[in-house]
Amino acid sequence: VVSRDYAVEEINKIPGLKAYRPDGTYLLYVDMSAYQMKAVDFVDYLKEKVKLVIVPGGKQYFGDLSEGHVRICFATSRAILEEGLKRLKEGTKLLREEKSLDL
Protein backbone atom coordinates (compact mmCIF):
# COMPACT_ATOMS: atom_id res chain seq x y z
CA VAL A 1 0.00 0.00 0.00
CA VAL A 2 1.45 3.38 -0.96
CA SER A 3 1.95 5.94 1.80
CA ARG A 4 -0.87 8.16 0.52
CA ASP A 5 -3.44 5.39 0.64
CA TYR A 6 -2.18 4.11 3.98
CA ALA A 7 -2.39 7.59 5.54
CA VAL A 8 -5.88 8.27 4.15
CA GLU A 9 -7.18 4.90 5.36
CA GLU A 10 -5.72 5.31 8.86
CA ILE A 11 -6.92 8.91 9.26
CA ASN A 12 -10.43 7.97 8.17
CA LYS A 13 -10.54 5.38 10.98
CA ILE A 14 -10.15 8.20 13.54
CA PRO A 15 -13.51 9.51 14.78
CA GLY A 16 -14.14 13.10 13.71
CA LEU A 17 -11.47 13.23 10.98
CA LYS A 18 -11.97 12.96 7.23
CA ALA A 19 -9.11 12.72 4.75
CA TYR A 20 -9.60 12.82 1.00
CA ARG A 21 -7.35 10.90 -1.38
CA PRO A 22 -5.41 13.44 -3.48
CA ASP A 23 -4.47 12.68 -7.07
CA GLY A 24 -1.06 14.29 -7.27
CA THR A 25 0.55 15.67 -4.15
CA TYR A 26 2.33 14.56 -0.99
CA LEU A 27 -0.03 16.47 1.30
CA LEU A 28 -3.36 15.58 2.84
CA TYR A 29 -5.92 18.19 3.80
CA VAL A 30 -7.83 16.66 6.67
CA ASP A 31 -11.23 17.91 7.81
CA MET A 32 -11.20 18.20 11.61
CA SER A 33 -14.21 20.52 11.93
CA ALA A 34 -16.14 17.91 13.94
CA TYR A 35 -13.89 18.79 16.88
CA GLN A 36 -15.60 22.21 17.00
CA MET A 37 -12.42 24.22 17.47
CA LYS A 38 -10.11 26.33 15.37
CA ALA A 39 -7.49 24.38 13.45
CA VAL A 40 -4.66 26.25 15.17
CA ASP A 41 -6.02 25.22 18.59
CA PHE A 42 -6.34 21.61 17.42
CA VAL A 43 -2.73 21.66 16.21
CA ASP A 44 -1.49 23.29 19.43
CA TYR A 45 -3.29 20.64 21.48
CA LEU A 46 -1.66 17.78 19.55
CA LYS A 47 1.75 19.42 19.80
CA GLU A 48 1.45 19.79 23.57
CA LYS A 49 -0.19 16.45 24.40
CA VAL A 50 1.44 13.99 21.98
CA LYS A 51 4.37 15.90 20.46
CA LEU A 52 2.85 15.86 16.96
CA VAL A 53 3.41 18.81 14.65
CA ILE A 54 1.03 19.32 11.74
CA VAL A 55 -0.01 22.48 9.90
CA PRO A 56 -3.29 24.24 10.70
CA GLY A 57 -5.68 25.67 8.18
CA GLY A 58 -7.29 29.02 8.74
CA LYS A 59 -7.20 32.50 7.26
CA GLN A 60 -3.66 33.22 8.48
CA TYR A 61 -2.24 30.19 6.68
CA PHE A 62 -4.32 29.17 3.67
CA GLY A 63 -7.36 31.46 3.55
CA ASP A 64 -10.83 31.49 5.05
CA LEU A 65 -12.01 28.27 3.41
CA SER A 66 -9.21 26.24 5.01
CA GLU A 67 -10.50 26.70 8.57
CA GLY A 68 -11.54 23.38 10.06
CA HIS A 69 -8.75 21.57 8.22
CA VAL A 70 -5.17 20.57 8.89
CA ARG A 71 -2.41 19.71 6.47
CA ILE A 72 -0.41 16.51 6.88
CA CYS A 73 2.62 15.52 4.79
CA PHE A 74 2.98 11.83 3.98
CA ALA A 75 6.28 12.16 2.06
CA THR A 76 8.42 10.46 4.68
CA SER A 77 9.51 6.98 5.71
CA ARG A 78 6.86 4.45 6.61
CA ALA A 79 8.19 4.32 10.19
CA ILE A 80 7.81 8.08 10.68
CA LEU A 81 4.40 8.09 9.01
CA GLU A 82 3.20 5.25 11.25
CA GLU A 83 4.48 7.03 14.37
CA GLY A 84 2.83 10.30 13.36
CA LEU A 85 -0.50 8.61 12.70
CA LYS A 86 -0.24 6.77 16.01
CA ARG A 87 0.24 10.11 17.77
CA LEU A 88 -2.66 11.61 15.83
CA LYS A 89 -4.88 8.74 16.96
CA GLU A 90 -3.74 9.10 20.60
CA GLY A 91 -4.10 12.89 20.61
CA THR A 92 -7.58 12.92 19.13
CA LYS A 93 -8.68 10.25 21.61
CA LEU A 94 -7.45 12.42 24.50
CA LEU A 95 -9.19 15.44 23.01
CA ARG A 96 -12.50 13.61 22.57
CA GLU A 97 -12.33 12.40 26.16
CA GLU A 98 -11.37 15.83 27.52
CA LYS A 99 -14.14 17.63 25.60
CA SER A 100 -16.65 14.78 26.05
CA LEU A 101 -17.13 14.61 22.27
CA ASP A 102 -19.16 11.72 20.92
CA LEU A 103 -17.91 11.52 17.33
PDB file of N, CA and C in Angstrom:
ATOM      1  N   VAL A   1       0.857  -1.181   0.000  1.00  0.00           N
ATOM      2  CA  VAL A   1       0.000   0.000   0.000  1.00  0.00           C
ATOM      3  C   VAL A   1       0.899   1.239   0.000  1.00  0.00           C
ATOM      4  N   VAL A   2       0.645   2.156  -0.916  1.00  0.00           N
ATOM      5  CA  VAL A   2       1.449   3.379  -0.965  1.00  0.00           C
ATOM      6  C   VAL A   2       1.135   4.257   0.247  1.00  0.00           C
ATOM      7  N   SER A   3       2.087   5.105   0.607  1.00  0.00           N
ATOM      8  CA  SER A   3       1.948   5.940   1.802  1.00  0.00           C
ATOM      9  C   SER A   3       0.683   6.783   1.777  1.00  0.00           C
ATOM     10  N   ARG A   4       0.343   7.339   0.628  1.00  0.00           N
ATOM     11  CA  ARG A   4      -0.868   8.163   0.520  1.00  0.00           C
ATOM     12  C   ARG A   4      -2.098   7.372   0.938  1.00  0.00           C
ATOM     13  N   ASP A   5      -2.259   6.201   0.353  1.00  0.00           N
ATOM     14  CA  ASP A   5      -3.439   5.390   0.638  1.00  0.00           C
ATOM     15  C   ASP A   5      -3.453   4.919   2.083  1.00  0.00           C
ATOM     16  N   TYR A   6      -2.290   4.535   2.591  1.00  0.00           N
ATOM     17  CA  TYR A   6      -2.179   4.114   3.983  1.00  0.00           C
ATOM     18  C   TYR A   6      -2.608   5.246   4.916  1.00  0.00           C
ATOM     19  N   ALA A   7      -2.073   6.447   4.684  1.00  0.00           N
ATOM     20  CA  ALA A   7      -2.392   7.593   5.541  1.00  0.00           C
ATOM     21  C   ALA A   7      -3.880   7.927   5.483  1.00  0.00           C
ATOM     22  N   VAL A   8      -4.452   7.964   4.295  1.00  0.00           N
ATOM     23  CA  VAL A   8      -5.879   8.273   4.148  1.00  0.00           C
ATOM     24  C   VAL A   8      -6.723   7.236   4.887  1.00  0.00           C
ATOM     25  N   GLU A   9      -6.413   5.966   4.703  1.00  0.00           N
ATOM     26  CA  GLU A   9      -7.177   4.902   5.361  1.00  0.00           C
ATOM     27  C   GLU A   9      -7.094   4.999   6.880  1.00  0.00           C
ATOM     28  N   GLU A  10      -5.896   5.238   7.406  1.00  0.00           N
ATOM     29  CA  GLU A  10      -5.720   5.312   8.857  1.00  0.00           C
ATOM     30  C   GLU A  10      -6.398   6.548   9.440  1.00  0.00           C
ATOM     31  N   ILE A  11      -6.282   7.675   8.778  1.00  0.00           N
ATOM     32  CA  ILE A  11      -6.921   8.906   9.262  1.00  0.00           C
ATOM     33  C   ILE A  11      -8.436   8.753   9.263  1.00  0.00           C
ATOM     34  N   ASN A  12      -8.978   8.130   8.243  1.00  0.00           N
ATOM     35  CA  ASN A  12     -10.429   7.966   8.167  1.00  0.00           C
ATOM     36  C   ASN A  12     -10.987   6.990   9.200  1.00  0.00           C
ATOM     37  N   LYS A  13     -10.123   6.243   9.874  1.00  0.00           N
ATOM     38  CA  LYS A  13     -10.542   5.382  10.980  1.00  0.00           C
ATOM     39  C   LYS A  13     -10.681   6.174  12.280  1.00  0.00           C
ATOM     40  N   ILE A  14     -10.142   7.386  12.318  1.00  0.00           N
ATOM     41  CA  ILE A  14     -10.155   8.196  13.535  1.00  0.00           C
ATOM     42  C   ILE A  14     -11.469   8.971  13.596  1.00  0.00           C
ATOM     43  N   PRO A  15     -12.231   8.788  14.663  1.00  0.00           N
ATOM     44  CA  PRO A  15     -13.513   9.509  14.778  1.00  0.00           C
ATOM     45  C   PRO A  15     -13.319  11.030  14.679  1.00  0.00           C
ATOM     46  N   GLY A  16     -14.154  11.648  13.845  1.00  0.00           N
ATOM     47  CA  GLY A  16     -14.136  13.099  13.709  1.00  0.00           C
ATOM     48  C   GLY A  16     -13.176  13.636  12.673  1.00  0.00           C
ATOM     49  N   LEU A  17     -12.387  12.781  12.028  1.00  0.00           N
ATOM     50  CA  LEU A  17     -11.465  13.233  10.981  1.00  0.00           C
ATOM     51  C   LEU A  17     -11.882  12.643   9.638  1.00  0.00           C
ATOM     52  N   LYS A  18     -11.663  13.422   8.585  1.00  0.00           N
ATOM     53  CA  LYS A  18     -11.969  12.956   7.229  1.00  0.00           C
ATOM     54  C   LYS A  18     -10.862  13.406   6.290  1.00  0.00           C
ATOM     55  N   ALA A  19     -10.166  12.434   5.727  1.00  0.00           N
ATOM     56  CA  ALA A  19      -9.113  12.716   4.750  1.00  0.00           C
ATOM     57  C   ALA A  19      -9.603  12.308   3.362  1.00  0.00           C
ATOM     58  N   TYR A  20      -9.234  13.097   2.383  1.00  0.00           N
ATOM     59  CA  TYR A  20      -9.603  12.821   0.996  1.00  0.00           C
ATOM     60  C   TYR A  20      -8.351  12.409   0.237  1.00  0.00           C
ATOM     61  N   ARG A  21      -8.480  11.424  -0.626  1.00  0.00           N
ATOM     62  CA  ARG A  21      -7.350  10.895  -1.380  1.00  0.00           C
ATOM     63  C   ARG A  21      -6.990  11.860  -2.520  1.00  0.00           C
ATOM     64  N   PRO A  22      -5.815  12.509  -2.419  1.00  0.00           N
ATOM     65  CA  PRO A  22      -5.408  13.438  -3.477  1.00  0.00           C
ATOM     66  C   PRO A  22      -4.888  12.670  -4.696  1.00  0.00           C
ATOM     67  N   ASP A  23      -4.954  13.315  -5.855  1.00  0.00           N
ATOM     68  CA  ASP A  23      -4.466  12.680  -7.075  1.00  0.00           C
ATOM     69  C   ASP A  23      -2.967  12.883  -7.296  1.00  0.00           C
ATOM     70  N   GLY A  24      -2.447  14.048  -6.917  1.00  0.00           N
ATOM     71  CA  GLY A  24      -1.056  14.292  -7.266  1.00  0.00           C
ATOM     72  C   GLY A  24      -0.319  15.219  -6.334  1.00  0.00           C
ATOM     73  N   THR A  25      -0.208  14.871  -5.096  1.00  0.00           N
ATOM     74  CA  THR A  25       0.548  15.674  -4.151  1.00  0.00           C
ATOM     75  C   THR A  25       1.028  14.774  -3.018  1.00  0.00           C
ATOM     76  N   TYR A  26       1.835  15.311  -2.149  1.00  0.00           N
ATOM     77  CA  TYR A  26       2.331  14.564  -0.990  1.00  0.00           C
ATOM     78  C   TYR A  26       1.733  15.113   0.304  1.00  0.00           C
ATOM     79  N   LEU A  27       0.636  15.863   0.161  1.00  0.00           N
ATOM     80  CA  LEU A  27      -0.029  16.474   1.303  1.00  0.00           C
ATOM     81  C   LEU A  27      -1.486  16.034   1.380  1.00  0.00           C
ATOM     82  N   LEU A  28      -1.950  15.853   2.608  1.00  0.00           N
ATOM     83  CA  LEU A  28      -3.363  15.578   2.838  1.00  0.00           C
ATOM     84  C   LEU A  28      -3.976  16.777   3.539  1.00  0.00           C
ATOM     85  N   TYR A  29      -5.148  17.163   3.114  1.00  0.00           N
ATOM     86  CA  TYR A  29      -5.915  18.193   3.799  1.00  0.00           C
ATOM     87  C   TYR A  29      -7.035  17.464   4.527  1.00  0.00           C
ATOM     88  N   VAL A  30      -6.950  17.473   5.839  1.00  0.00           N
ATOM     89  CA  VAL A  30      -7.831  16.665   6.671  1.00  0.00           C
ATOM     90  C   VAL A  30      -8.871  17.553   7.349  1.00  0.00           C
ATOM     91  N   ASP A  31     -10.126  17.190   7.188  1.00  0.00           N
ATOM     92  CA  ASP A  31     -11.231  17.912   7.812  1.00  0.00           C
ATOM     93  C   ASP A  31     -11.319  17.496   9.271  1.00  0.00           C
ATOM     94  N   MET A  32     -11.113  18.465  10.175  1.00  0.00           N
ATOM     95  CA  MET A  32     -11.198  18.202  11.610  1.00  0.00           C
ATOM     96  C   MET A  32     -12.290  19.051  12.249  1.00  0.00           C
ATOM     97  N   SER A  33     -13.185  19.581  11.447  1.00  0.00           N
ATOM     98  CA  SER A  33     -14.208  20.516  11.925  1.00  0.00           C
ATOM     99  C   SER A  33     -15.157  19.887  12.946  1.00  0.00           C
ATOM    100  N   ALA A  34     -15.272  18.570  12.968  1.00  0.00           N
ATOM    101  CA  ALA A  34     -16.143  17.911  13.937  1.00  0.00           C
ATOM    102  C   ALA A  34     -15.673  18.148  15.375  1.00  0.00           C
ATOM    103  N   TYR A  35     -14.422  18.527  15.538  1.00  0.00           N
ATOM    104  CA  TYR A  35     -13.885  18.789  16.880  1.00  0.00           C
ATOM    105  C   TYR A  35     -14.316  20.157  17.416  1.00  0.00           C
ATOM    106  N   GLN A  36     -14.992  20.941  16.589  1.00  0.00           N
ATOM    107  CA  GLN A  36     -15.598  22.211  17.002  1.00  0.00           C
ATOM    108  C   GLN A  36     -14.587  23.155  17.654  1.00  0.00           C
ATOM    109  N   MET A  37     -13.436  23.294  16.993  1.00  0.00           N
ATOM    110  CA  MET A  37     -12.422  24.221  17.470  1.00  0.00           C
ATOM    111  C   MET A  37     -11.630  24.720  16.272  1.00  0.00           C
ATOM    112  N   LYS A  38     -10.936  25.801  16.448  1.00  0.00           N
ATOM    113  CA  LYS A  38     -10.107  26.326  15.369  1.00  0.00           C
ATOM    114  C   LYS A  38      -8.964  25.355  15.097  1.00  0.00           C
ATOM    115  N   ALA A  39      -8.567  25.286  13.842  1.00  0.00           N
ATOM    116  CA  ALA A  39      -7.495  24.376  13.451  1.00  0.00           C
ATOM    117  C   ALA A  39      -6.211  24.656  14.221  1.00  0.00           C
ATOM    118  N   VAL A  40      -5.897  25.914  14.441  1.00  0.00           N
ATOM    119  CA  VAL A  40      -4.663  26.251  15.166  1.00  0.00           C
ATOM    120  C   VAL A  40      -4.720  25.737  16.603  1.00  0.00           C
ATOM    121  N   ASP A  41      -5.878  25.755  17.230  1.00  0.00           N
ATOM    122  CA  ASP A  41      -6.016  25.224  18.590  1.00  0.00           C
ATOM    123  C   ASP A  41      -5.893  23.697  18.596  1.00  0.00           C
ATOM    124  N   PHE A  42      -6.450  23.063  17.583  1.00  0.00           N
ATOM    125  CA  PHE A  42      -6.341  21.608  17.423  1.00  0.00           C
ATOM    126  C   PHE A  42      -4.870  21.213  17.291  1.00  0.00           C
ATOM    127  N   VAL A  43      -4.147  21.921  16.443  1.00  0.00           N
ATOM    128  CA  VAL A  43      -2.729  21.660  16.205  1.00  0.00           C
ATOM    129  C   VAL A  43      -1.918  21.897  17.488  1.00  0.00           C
ATOM    130  N   ASP A  44      -2.198  22.994  18.173  1.00  0.00           N
ATOM    131  CA  ASP A  44      -1.489  23.291  19.430  1.00  0.00           C
ATOM    132  C   ASP A  44      -1.729  22.200  20.467  1.00  0.00           C
ATOM    133  N   TYR A  45      -2.946  21.702  20.545  1.00  0.00           N
ATOM    134  CA  TYR A  45      -3.288  20.640  21.484  1.00  0.00           C
ATOM    135  C   TYR A  45      -2.454  19.390  21.187  1.00  0.00           C
ATOM    136  N   LEU A  46      -2.408  18.984  19.929  1.00  0.00           N
ATOM    137  CA  LEU A  46      -1.660  17.782  19.554  1.00  0.00           C
ATOM    138  C   LEU A  46      -0.165  17.957  19.815  1.00  0.00           C
ATOM    139  N   LYS A  47       0.328  19.146  19.563  1.00  0.00           N
ATOM    140  CA  LYS A  47       1.750  19.422  19.804  1.00  0.00           C
ATOM    141  C   LYS A  47       2.072  19.286  21.294  1.00  0.00           C
ATOM    142  N   GLU A  48       1.218  19.831  22.125  1.00  0.00           N
ATOM    143  CA  GLU A  48       1.446  19.793  23.573  1.00  0.00           C
ATOM    144  C   GLU A  48       1.254  18.396  24.150  1.00  0.00           C
ATOM    145  N   LYS A  49       0.181  17.724  23.761  1.00  0.00           N
ATOM    146  CA  LYS A  49      -0.187  16.450  24.398  1.00  0.00           C
ATOM    147  C   LYS A  49       0.569  15.235  23.870  1.00  0.00           C
ATOM    148  N   VAL A  50       0.825  15.191  22.548  1.00  0.00           N
ATOM    149  CA  VAL A  50       1.442  13.985  21.979  1.00  0.00           C
ATOM    150  C   VAL A  50       2.666  14.285  21.119  1.00  0.00           C
ATOM    151  N   LYS A  51       3.150  15.509  21.186  1.00  0.00           N
ATOM    152  CA  LYS A  51       4.374  15.899  20.459  1.00  0.00           C
ATOM    153  C   LYS A  51       4.255  15.648  18.955  1.00  0.00           C
ATOM    154  N   LEU A  52       3.089  15.998  18.398  1.00  0.00           N
ATOM    155  CA  LEU A  52       2.850  15.864  16.963  1.00  0.00           C
ATOM    156  C   LEU A  52       2.723  17.263  16.366  1.00  0.00           C
ATOM    157  N   VAL A  53       3.475  17.509  15.308  1.00  0.00           N
ATOM    158  CA  VAL A  53       3.409  18.810  14.650  1.00  0.00           C
ATOM    159  C   VAL A  53       2.819  18.631  13.257  1.00  0.00           C
ATOM    160  N   ILE A  54       1.659  19.256  13.055  1.00  0.00           N
ATOM    161  CA  ILE A  54       1.028  19.317  11.743  1.00  0.00           C
ATOM    162  C   ILE A  54       0.667  20.776  11.488  1.00  0.00           C
ATOM    163  N   VAL A  55       0.225  21.087  10.297  1.00  0.00           N
ATOM    164  CA  VAL A  55      -0.006  22.476   9.899  1.00  0.00           C
ATOM    165  C   VAL A  55      -1.501  22.796   9.933  1.00  0.00           C
ATOM    166  N   PRO A  56      -1.876  23.879  10.638  1.00  0.00           N
ATOM    167  CA  PRO A  56      -3.294  24.238  10.703  1.00  0.00           C
ATOM    168  C   PRO A  56      -3.760  24.959   9.449  1.00  0.00           C
ATOM    169  N   GLY A  57      -5.046  24.825   9.185  1.00  0.00           N
ATOM    170  CA  GLY A  57      -5.676  25.665   8.179  1.00  0.00           C
ATOM    171  C   GLY A  57      -6.061  26.965   8.861  1.00  0.00           C
ATOM    172  N   GLY A  58      -6.835  27.763   8.170  1.00  0.00           N
ATOM    173  CA  GLY A  58      -7.288  29.025   8.742  1.00  0.00           C
ATOM    174  C   GLY A  58      -6.802  30.197   7.912  1.00  0.00           C
ATOM    175  N   LYS A  59      -7.464  31.306   8.069  1.00  0.00           N
ATOM    176  CA  LYS A  59      -7.202  32.502   7.265  1.00  0.00           C
ATOM    177  C   LYS A  59      -5.720  32.873   7.230  1.00  0.00           C
ATOM    178  N   GLN A  60      -5.072  32.821   8.373  1.00  0.00           N
ATOM    179  CA  GLN A  60      -3.661  33.221   8.475  1.00  0.00           C
ATOM    180  C   GLN A  60      -2.756  32.359   7.592  1.00  0.00           C
ATOM    181  N   TYR A  61      -3.124  31.108   7.389  1.00  0.00           N
ATOM    182  CA  TYR A  61      -2.243  30.187   6.681  1.00  0.00           C
ATOM    183  C   TYR A  61      -2.644  29.929   5.234  1.00  0.00           C
ATOM    184  N   PHE A  62      -3.900  29.582   5.011  1.00  0.00           N
ATOM    185  CA  PHE A  62      -4.324  29.175   3.673  1.00  0.00           C
ATOM    186  C   PHE A  62      -5.632  29.807   3.215  1.00  0.00           C
ATOM    187  N   GLY A  63      -6.126  30.802   3.928  1.00  0.00           N
ATOM    188  CA  GLY A  63      -7.364  31.458   3.545  1.00  0.00           C
ATOM    189  C   GLY A  63      -8.553  30.980   4.349  1.00  0.00           C
ATOM    190  N   ASP A  64      -9.629  31.743   4.264  1.00  0.00           N
ATOM    191  CA  ASP A  64     -10.833  31.486   5.052  1.00  0.00           C
ATOM    192  C   ASP A  64     -11.401  30.076   4.875  1.00  0.00           C
ATOM    193  N   LEU A  65     -11.376  29.571   3.672  1.00  0.00           N
ATOM    194  CA  LEU A  65     -12.007  28.271   3.407  1.00  0.00           C
ATOM    195  C   LEU A  65     -11.233  27.087   3.984  1.00  0.00           C
ATOM    196  N   SER A  66     -10.016  27.340   4.458  1.00  0.00           N
ATOM    197  CA  SER A  66      -9.215  26.240   5.008  1.00  0.00           C
ATOM    198  C   SER A  66      -9.439  26.019   6.500  1.00  0.00           C
ATOM    199  N   GLU A  67     -10.216  26.903   7.146  1.00  0.00           N
ATOM    200  CA  GLU A  67     -10.502  26.702   8.570  1.00  0.00           C
ATOM    201  C   GLU A  67     -11.237  25.380   8.739  1.00  0.00           C
ATOM    202  N   GLY A  68     -10.933  24.694   9.821  1.00  0.00           N
ATOM    203  CA  GLY A  68     -11.541  23.383  10.060  1.00  0.00           C
ATOM    204  C   GLY A  68     -10.770  22.249   9.410  1.00  0.00           C
ATOM    205  N   HIS A  69      -9.589  22.574   8.869  1.00  0.00           N
ATOM    206  CA  HIS A  69      -8.752  21.572   8.217  1.00  0.00           C
ATOM    207  C   HIS A  69      -7.320  21.680   8.719  1.00  0.00           C
ATOM    208  N   VAL A  70      -6.595  20.583   8.621  1.00  0.00           N
ATOM    209  CA  VAL A  70      -5.169  20.573   8.890  1.00  0.00           C
ATOM    210  C   VAL A  70      -4.467  19.935   7.703  1.00  0.00           C
ATOM    211  N   ARG A  71      -3.192  20.242   7.582  1.00  0.00           N
ATOM    212  CA  ARG A  71      -2.406  19.706   6.467  1.00  0.00           C
ATOM    213  C   ARG A  71      -1.382  18.731   7.037  1.00  0.00           C
ATOM    214  N   ILE A  72      -1.329  17.556   6.439  1.00  0.00           N
ATOM    215  CA  ILE A  72      -0.407  16.512   6.879  1.00  0.00           C
ATOM    216  C   ILE A  72       0.401  16.035   5.674  1.00  0.00           C
ATOM    217  N   CYS A  73       1.726  15.993   5.847  1.00  0.00           N
ATOM    218  CA  CYS A  73       2.620  15.525   4.788  1.00  0.00           C
ATOM    219  C   CYS A  73       2.877  14.029   4.973  1.00  0.00           C
ATOM    220  N   PHE A  74       2.717  13.271   3.900  1.00  0.00           N
ATOM    221  CA  PHE A  74       2.979  11.833   3.981  1.00  0.00           C
ATOM    222  C   PHE A  74       4.244  11.445   3.216  1.00  0.00           C
ATOM    223  N   ALA A  75       5.032  12.423   2.785  1.00  0.00           N
ATOM    224  CA  ALA A  75       6.280  12.162   2.064  1.00  0.00           C
ATOM    225  C   ALA A  75       7.411  11.960   3.068  1.00  0.00           C
ATOM    226  N   THR A  76       7.421  10.802   3.684  1.00  0.00           N
ATOM    227  CA  THR A  76       8.423  10.455   4.683  1.00  0.00           C
ATOM    228  C   THR A  76       8.542   8.940   4.725  1.00  0.00           C
ATOM    229  N   SER A  77       9.375   8.443   5.591  1.00  0.00           N
ATOM    230  CA  SER A  77       9.511   6.981   5.707  1.00  0.00           C
ATOM    231  C   SER A  77       8.240   6.386   6.299  1.00  0.00           C
ATOM    232  N   ARG A  78       8.026   5.117   6.073  1.00  0.00           N
ATOM    233  CA  ARG A  78       6.856   4.452   6.613  1.00  0.00           C
ATOM    234  C   ARG A  78       6.893   4.478   8.143  1.00  0.00           C
ATOM    235  N   ALA A  79       8.070   4.320   8.726  1.00  0.00           N
ATOM    236  CA  ALA A  79       8.186   4.318  10.193  1.00  0.00           C
ATOM    237  C   ALA A  79       7.757   5.663  10.782  1.00  0.00           C
ATOM    238  N   ILE A  80       8.189   6.750  10.183  1.00  0.00           N
ATOM    239  CA  ILE A  80       7.815   8.081  10.681  1.00  0.00           C
ATOM    240  C   ILE A  80       6.327   8.331  10.460  1.00  0.00           C
ATOM    241  N   LEU A  81       5.817   7.931   9.295  1.00  0.00           N
ATOM    242  CA  LEU A  81       4.395   8.092   9.014  1.00  0.00           C
ATOM    243  C   LEU A  81       3.551   7.304  10.018  1.00  0.00           C
ATOM    244  N   GLU A  82       3.931   6.074  10.286  1.00  0.00           N
ATOM    245  CA  GLU A  82       3.196   5.253  11.252  1.00  0.00           C
ATOM    246  C   GLU A  82       3.215   5.886  12.642  1.00  0.00           C
ATOM    247  N   GLU A  83       4.368   6.392  13.058  1.00  0.00           N
ATOM    248  CA  GLU A  83       4.476   7.028  14.372  1.00  0.00           C
ATOM    249  C   GLU A  83       3.613   8.290  14.440  1.00  0.00           C
ATOM    250  N   GLY A  84       3.648   9.088  13.380  1.00  0.00           N
ATOM    251  CA  GLY A  84       2.832  10.299  13.357  1.00  0.00           C
ATOM    252  C   GLY A  84       1.344   9.992  13.417  1.00  0.00           C
ATOM    253  N   LEU A  85       0.911   8.991  12.685  1.00  0.00           N
ATOM    254  CA  LEU A  85      -0.502   8.615  12.697  1.00  0.00           C
ATOM    255  C   LEU A  85      -0.903   8.011  14.036  1.00  0.00           C
ATOM    256  N   LYS A  86       0.019   7.296  14.663  1.00  0.00           N
ATOM    257  CA  LYS A  86      -0.240   6.766  16.014  1.00  0.00           C
ATOM    258  C   LYS A  86      -0.451   7.927  16.990  1.00  0.00           C
ATOM    259  N   ARG A  87       0.384   8.943  16.890  1.00  0.00           N
ATOM    260  CA  ARG A  87       0.239  10.107  17.768  1.00  0.00           C
ATOM    261  C   ARG A  87      -1.045  10.875  17.469  1.00  0.00           C
ATOM    262  N   LEU A  88      -1.412  10.959  16.203  1.00  0.00           N
ATOM    263  CA  LEU A  88      -2.662  11.614  15.835  1.00  0.00           C
ATOM    264  C   LEU A  88      -3.840  10.875  16.459  1.00  0.00           C
ATOM    265  N   LYS A  89      -3.814   9.562  16.383  1.00  0.00           N
ATOM    266  CA  LYS A  89      -4.879   8.742  16.963  1.00  0.00           C
ATOM    267  C   LYS A  89      -4.947   8.940  18.481  1.00  0.00           C
ATOM    268  N   GLU A  90      -3.785   8.918  19.141  1.00  0.00           N
ATOM    269  CA  GLU A  90      -3.736   9.103  20.598  1.00  0.00           C
ATOM    270  C   GLU A  90      -4.220  10.498  21.003  1.00  0.00           C
ATOM    271  N   GLY A  91      -3.737  11.510  20.275  1.00  0.00           N
ATOM    272  CA  GLY A  91      -4.100  12.888  20.611  1.00  0.00           C
ATOM    273  C   GLY A  91      -5.574  13.179  20.427  1.00  0.00           C
ATOM    274  N   THR A  92      -6.153  12.678  19.356  1.00  0.00           N
ATOM    275  CA  THR A  92      -7.576  12.923  19.125  1.00  0.00           C
ATOM    276  C   THR A  92      -8.425  12.164  20.145  1.00  0.00           C
ATOM    277  N   LYS A  93      -7.956  10.993  20.564  1.00  0.00           N
ATOM    278  CA  LYS A  93      -8.680  10.251  21.607  1.00  0.00           C
ATOM    279  C   LYS A  93      -8.683  11.045  22.910  1.00  0.00           C
ATOM    280  N   LEU A  94      -7.529  11.581  23.300  1.00  0.00           N
ATOM    281  CA  LEU A  94      -7.445  12.421  24.498  1.00  0.00           C
ATOM    282  C   LEU A  94      -8.369  13.630  24.390  1.00  0.00           C
ATOM    283  N   LEU A  95      -8.371  14.252  23.227  1.00  0.00           N
ATOM    284  CA  LEU A  95      -9.192  15.443  23.009  1.00  0.00           C
ATOM    285  C   LEU A  95     -10.681  15.111  23.099  1.00  0.00           C
ATOM    286  N   ARG A  96     -11.089  14.009  22.487  1.00  0.00           N
ATOM    287  CA  ARG A  96     -12.496  13.606  22.568  1.00  0.00           C
ATOM    288  C   ARG A  96     -12.904  13.344  24.009  1.00  0.00           C
ATOM    289  N   GLU A  97     -12.027  12.687  24.754  1.00  0.00           N
ATOM    290  CA  GLU A  97     -12.327  12.397  26.157  1.00  0.00           C
ATOM    291  C   GLU A  97     -12.397  13.688  26.970  1.00  0.00           C
ATOM    292  N   GLU A  98     -11.431  14.575  26.762  1.00  0.00           N
ATOM    293  CA  GLU A  98     -11.370  15.828  27.518  1.00  0.00           C
ATOM    294  C   GLU A  98     -12.565  16.715  27.243  1.00  0.00           C
ATOM    295  N   LYS A  99     -13.002  16.766  25.985  1.00  0.00           N
ATOM    296  CA  LYS A  99     -14.138  17.629  25.601  1.00  0.00           C
ATOM    297  C   LYS A  99     -15.472  16.881  25.642  1.00  0.00           C
ATOM    298  N   SER A 100     -15.447  15.617  26.033  1.00  0.00           N
ATOM    299  CA  SER A 100     -16.648  14.776  26.048  1.00  0.00           C
ATOM    300  C   SER A 100     -17.357  14.795  24.691  1.00  0.00           C
ATOM    301  N   LEU A 101     -16.583  14.636  23.634  1.00  0.00           N
ATOM    302  CA  LEU A 101     -17.133  14.611  22.274  1.00  0.00           C
ATOM    303  C   LEU A 101     -17.518  13.184  21.910  1.00  0.00           C
ATOM    304  N   ASP A 102     -18.687  13.023  21.381  1.00  0.00           N
ATOM    305  CA  ASP A 102     -19.159  11.718  20.917  1.00  0.00           C
ATOM    306  C   ASP A 102     -19.171  11.753  19.393  1.00  0.00           C
ATOM    307  N   LEU A 103     -18.033  11.433  18.799  1.00  0.00           N
ATOM    308  CA  LEU A 103     -17.907  11.521  17.333  1.00  0.00           C
ATOM    309  C   LEU A 103     -17.938  10.153  16.696  1.00  0.00           C
TER     310      LEU A 103
END
